[in-house]
Amino acid sequence: MQPTVNQQHVLSTLQQADNLLSAYALLDRLREQGFSAPSGVYRALGRLAGY
């Protein structure tokens, strides 16, 4: 299954990070891509993890 745009943003941000990031740290980095609530980050992480 092809990742959604949001999933691609989350994955790219994680790959570029120098260390582990919490969902809220991801949210801070992804606000410019339209993320405004942690639920979007958690949803993308869940789908990327296969849940």
PDB file of N, CA and C in Angstrom:
ATOM      1  N   MET A   1       0.846  -1.180   0.000  1.00  0.00           N
ATOM      2  CA  MET A   1       0.000   0.000   0.000  1.00  0.00           C
ATOM      3  C   MET A   1       0.890   1.241   0.000  1.00  0.00           C
ATOM      4  N   GLN A   2       0.551   2.194  -0.802  1.00  0.00           N
ATOM      5  CA  GLN A   2       1.286   3.457  -0.944  1.00  0.00           C
ATOM      6  C   GLN A   2       1.023   4.350   0.277  1.00  0.00           C
ATOM      7  N   PRO A   3       2.082   4.906   0.895  1.00  0.00           N
ATOM      8  CA  PRO A   3       1.854   5.810   2.036  1.00  0.00           C
ATOM      9  C   PRO A   3       1.169   7.101   1.591  1.00  0.00           C
ATOM     10  N   THR A   4       0.353   7.641   2.485  1.00  0.00           N
ATOM     11  CA  THR A   4      -0.322   8.907   2.210  1.00  0.00           C
ATOM     12  C   THR A   4       0.700  10.043   2.293  1.00  0.00           C
ATOM     13  N   VAL A   5       0.282  11.218   1.897  1.00  0.00           N
ATOM     14  CA  VAL A   5       1.156  12.394   1.967  1.00  0.00           C
ATOM     15  C   VAL A   5       1.591  12.638   3.412  1.00  0.00           C
ATOM     16  N   ASN A   6       0.652  12.555   4.349  1.00  0.00           N
ATOM     17  CA  ASN A   6       0.996  12.770   5.757  1.00  0.00           C
ATOM     18  C   ASN A   6       1.981  11.718   6.248  1.00  0.00           C
ATOM     19  N   GLN A   7       1.775  10.478   5.873  1.00  0.00           N
ATOM     20  CA  GLN A   7       2.691   9.415   6.265  1.00  0.00           C
ATOM     21  C   GLN A   7       4.076   9.661   5.671  1.00  0.00           C
ATOM     22  N   GLN A   8       4.133  10.140   4.450  1.00  0.00           N
ATOM     23  CA  GLN A   8       5.407  10.447   3.815  1.00  0.00           C
ATOM     24  C   GLN A   8       6.128  11.573   4.560  1.00  0.00           C
ATOM     25  N   HIS A   9       5.379  12.591   4.991  1.00  0.00           N
ATOM     26  CA  HIS A   9       5.969  13.693   5.753  1.00  0.00           C
ATOM     27  C   HIS A   9       6.541  13.179   7.079  1.00  0.00           C
ATOM     28  N   VAL A  10       5.781  12.351   7.773  1.00  0.00           N
ATOM     29  CA  VAL A  10       6.235  11.811   9.061  1.00  0.00           C
ATOM     30  C   VAL A  10       7.473  10.946   8.851  1.00  0.00           C
ATOM     31  N   LEU A  11       7.436  10.062   7.879  1.00  0.00           N
ATOM     32  CA  LEU A  11       8.567   9.175   7.620  1.00  0.00           C
ATOM     33  C   LEU A  11       9.820   9.963   7.244  1.00  0.00           C
ATOM     34  N   SER A  12       9.665  10.941   6.397  1.00  0.00           N
ATOM     35  CA  SER A  12      10.795  11.766   5.983  1.00  0.00           C
ATOM     36  C   SER A  12      11.397  12.518   7.166  1.00  0.00           C
ATOM     37  N   THR A  13      10.550  13.053   8.016  1.00  0.00           N
ATOM     38  CA  THR A  13      11.018  13.779   9.192  1.00  0.00           C
ATOM     39  C   THR A  13      11.772  12.854  10.141  1.00  0.00           C
ATOM     40  N   LEU A  14      11.265  11.650  10.322  1.00  0.00           N
ATOM     41  CA  LEU A  14      11.948  10.679  11.175  1.00  0.00           C
ATOM     42  C   LEU A  14      13.302  10.285  10.590  1.00  0.00           C
ATOM     43  N   GLN A  15      13.356  10.105   9.292  1.00  0.00           N
ATOM     44  CA  GLN A  15      14.601   9.705   8.644  1.00  0.00           C
ATOM     45  C   GLN A  15      15.662  10.801   8.726  1.00  0.00           C
ATOM     46  N   GLN A  16      15.238  12.051   8.749  1.00  0.00           N
ATOM     47  CA  GLN A  16      16.174  13.176   8.789  1.00  0.00           C
ATOM     48  C   GLN A  16      16.608  13.529  10.208  1.00  0.00           C
ATOM     49  N   ALA A  17      15.937  12.989  11.207  1.00  0.00           N
ATOM     50  CA  ALA A  17      16.244  13.322  12.604  1.00  0.00           C
ATOM     51  C   ALA A  17      17.557  12.674  13.035  1.00  0.00           C
ATOM     52  N   ASP A  18      18.272  13.380  13.888  1.00  0.00           N
ATOM     53  CA  ASP A  18      19.532  12.869  14.424  1.00  0.00           C
ATOM     54  C   ASP A  18      19.319  11.923  15.601  1.00  0.00           C
ATOM     55  N   ASN A  19      18.123  11.968  16.189  1.00  0.00           N
ATOM     56  CA  ASN A  19      17.815  11.120  17.337  1.00  0.00           C
ATOM     57  C   ASN A  19      16.331  10.787  17.328  1.00  0.00           C
ATOM     58  N   LEU A  20      15.890  10.067  18.337  1.00  0.00           N
ATOM     59  CA  LEU A  20      14.480   9.713  18.440  1.00  0.00           C
ATOM     60  C   LEU A  20      13.634  10.958  18.668  1.00  0.00           C
ATOM     61  N   LEU A  21      12.418  10.944  18.143  1.00  0.00           N
ATOM     62  CA  LEU A  21      11.497  12.070  18.309  1.00  0.00           C
ATOM     63  C   LEU A  21      10.192  11.577  18.900  1.00  0.00           C
ATOM     64  N   SER A  22       9.655  12.338  19.825  1.00  0.00           N
ATOM     65  CA  SER A  22       8.321  12.041  20.346  1.00  0.00           C
ATOM     66  C   SER A  22       7.287  12.516  19.326  1.00  0.00           C
ATOM     67  N   ALA A  23       6.059  12.110  19.523  1.00  0.00           N
ATOM     68  CA  ALA A  23       4.992  12.557  18.625  1.00  0.00           C
ATOM     69  C   ALA A  23       4.850  14.074  18.669  1.00  0.00           C
ATOM     70  N   TYR A  24       5.052  14.675  19.836  1.00  0.00           N
ATOM     71  CA  TYR A  24       4.935  16.130  19.940  1.00  0.00           C
ATOM     72  C   TYR A  24       6.113  16.837  19.291  1.00  0.00           C
ATOM     73  N   ALA A  25       7.299  16.246  19.351  1.00  0.00           N
ATOM     74  CA  ALA A  25       8.450  16.810  18.641  1.00  0.00           C
ATOM     75  C   ALA A  25       8.226  16.714  17.137  1.00  0.00           C
ATOM     76  N   LEU A  26       7.654  15.596  16.695  1.00  0.00           N
ATOM     77  CA  LEU A  26       7.295  15.466  15.275  1.00  0.00           C
ATOM     78  C   LEU A  26       6.279  16.525  14.888  1.00  0.00           C
ATOM     79  N   LEU A  27       5.275  16.711  15.721  1.00  0.00           N
ATOM     80  CA  LEU A  27       4.247  17.708  15.446  1.00  0.00           C
ATOM     81  C   LEU A  27       4.859  19.091  15.277  1.00  0.00           C
ATOM     82  N   ASP A  28       5.778  19.455  16.153  1.00  0.00           N
ATOM     83  CA  ASP A  28       6.436  20.764  16.041  1.00  0.00           C
ATOM     84  C   ASP A  28       7.156  20.913  14.709  1.00  0.00           C
ATOM     85  N   ARG A  29       7.781  19.844  14.252  1.00  0.00           N
ATOM     86  CA  ARG A  29       8.519  19.902  12.983  1.00  0.00           C
ATOM     87  C   ARG A  29       7.603  19.833  11.757  1.00  0.00           C
ATOM     88  N   LEU A  30       6.381  19.345  11.944  1.00  0.00           N
ATOM     89  CA  LEU A  30       5.478  19.127  10.815  1.00  0.00           C
ATOM     90  C   LEU A  30       4.374  20.179  10.691  1.00  0.00           C
ATOM     91  N   ARG A  31       4.366  21.169  11.534  1.00  0.00           N
ATOM     92  CA  ARG A  31       3.307  22.187  11.476  1.00  0.00           C
ATOM     93  C   ARG A  31       3.255  22.887  10.117  1.00  0.00           C
ATOM     94  N   GLU A  32       4.411  23.123   9.518  1.00  0.00           N
ATOM     95  CA  GLU A  32       4.441  23.793   8.209  1.00  0.00           C
ATOM     96  C   GLU A  32       3.827  22.932   7.103  1.00  0.00           C
ATOM     97  N   GLN A  33       3.748  21.627   7.323  1.00  0.00           N
ATOM     98  CA  GLN A  33       3.130  20.740   6.339  1.00  0.00           C
ATOM     99  C   GLN A  33       1.638  20.548   6.603  1.00  0.00           C
ATOM    100  N   GLY A  34       1.093  21.304   7.543  1.00  0.00           N
ATOM    101  CA  GLY A  34      -0.339  21.265   7.773  1.00  0.00           C
ATOM    102  C   GLY A  34      -0.788  20.459   8.979  1.00  0.00           C
ATOM    103  N   PHE A  35       0.142  19.887   9.722  1.00  0.00           N
ATOM    104  CA  PHE A  35      -0.242  19.154  10.932  1.00  0.00           C
ATOM    105  C   PHE A  35      -0.565  20.171  12.018  1.00  0.00           C
ATOM    106  N   SER A  36      -1.701  19.983  12.673  1.00  0.00           N
ATOM    107  CA  SER A  36      -2.090  20.929  13.712  1.00  0.00           C
ATOM    108  C   SER A  36      -2.455  20.245  15.024  1.00  0.00           C
ATOM    109  N   ALA A  37      -2.532  18.915  15.022  1.00  0.00           N
ATOM    110  CA  ALA A  37      -2.901  18.187  16.229  1.00  0.00           C
ATOM    111  C   ALA A  37      -2.104  16.888  16.304  1.00  0.00           C
ATOM    112  N   PRO A  38      -1.819  16.428  17.504  1.00  0.00           N
ATOM    113  CA  PRO A  38      -1.044  15.195  17.642  1.00  0.00           C
ATOM    114  C   PRO A  38      -1.749  13.971  17.060  1.00  0.00           C
ATOM    115  N   SER A  39      -3.063  14.013  16.963  1.00  0.00           N
ATOM    116  CA  SER A  39      -3.780  12.852  16.428  1.00  0.00           C
ATOM    117  C   SER A  39      -3.350  12.527  14.997  1.00  0.00           C
ATOM    118  N   GLY A  40      -3.034  13.535  14.203  1.00  0.00           N
ATOM    119  CA  GLY A  40      -2.570  13.282  12.834  1.00  0.00           C
ATOM    120  C   GLY A  40      -1.223  12.582  12.820  1.00  0.00           C
ATOM    121  N   VAL A  41      -0.350  12.971  13.748  1.00  0.00           N
ATOM    122  CA  VAL A  41       0.957  12.326  13.861  1.00  0.00           C
ATOM    123  C   VAL A  41       0.784  10.887  14.335  1.00  0.00           C
ATOM    124  N   TYR A  42      -0.021  10.690  15.375  1.00  0.00           N
ATOM    125  CA  TYR A  42      -0.251   9.338  15.889  1.00  0.00           C
ATOM    126  C   TYR A  42      -0.888   8.441  14.826  1.00  0.00           C
ATOM    127  N   ARG A  43      -1.811   8.970  14.075  1.00  0.00           N
ATOM    128  CA  ARG A  43      -2.468   8.195  13.018  1.00  0.00           C
ATOM    129  C   ARG A  43      -1.459   7.759  11.960  1.00  0.00           C
ATOM    130  N   ALA A  44      -0.613   8.695  11.531  1.00  0.00           N
ATOM    131  CA  ALA A  44       0.405   8.372  10.517  1.00  0.00           C
ATOM    132  C   ALA A  44       1.401   7.354  11.063  1.00  0.00           C
ATOM    133  N   LEU A  45       1.826   7.526  12.309  1.00  0.00           N
ATOM    134  CA  LEU A  45       2.758   6.563  12.913  1.00  0.00           C
ATOM    135  C   LEU A  45       2.139   5.181  13.012  1.00  0.00           C
ATOM    136  N   GLY A  46       0.888   5.133  13.407  1.00  0.00           N
ATOM    137  CA  GLY A  46       0.192   3.848  13.503  1.00  0.00           C
ATOM    138  C   GLY A  46       0.115   3.133  12.178  1.00  0.00           C
ATOM    139  N   ARG A  47      -0.224   3.862  11.133  1.00  0.00           N
ATOM    140  CA  ARG A  47      -0.309   3.247   9.798  1.00  0.00           C
ATOM    141  C   ARG A  47       1.058   2.800   9.306  1.00  0.00           C
ATOM    142  N   LEU A  48       2.094   3.612   9.573  1.00  0.00           N
ATOM    143  CA  LEU A  48       3.442   3.243   9.152  1.00  0.00           C
ATOM    144  C   LEU A  48       3.931   2.005   9.904  1.00  0.00           C
ATOM    145  N   ALA A  49       3.490   1.848  11.139  1.00  0.00           N
ATOM    146  CA  ALA A  49       3.883   0.692  11.941  1.00  0.00           C
ATOM    147  C   ALA A  49       3.050  -0.545  11.610  1.00  0.00           C
ATOM    148  N   GLY A  50       2.011  -0.364  10.811  1.00  0.00           N
ATOM    149  CA  GLY A  50       1.191  -1.499  10.400  1.00  0.00           C
ATOM    150  C   GLY A  50      -0.022  -1.760  11.258  1.00  0.00           C
ATOM    151  N   TYR A  51      -0.439  -0.786  12.052  1.00  0.00           N
ATOM    152  CA  TYR A  51      -1.622  -0.963  12.907  1.00  0.00           C
ATOM    153  C   TYR A  51      -2.835  -0.336  12.301  1.00  0.00           C
TER     154      TYR A  51
END
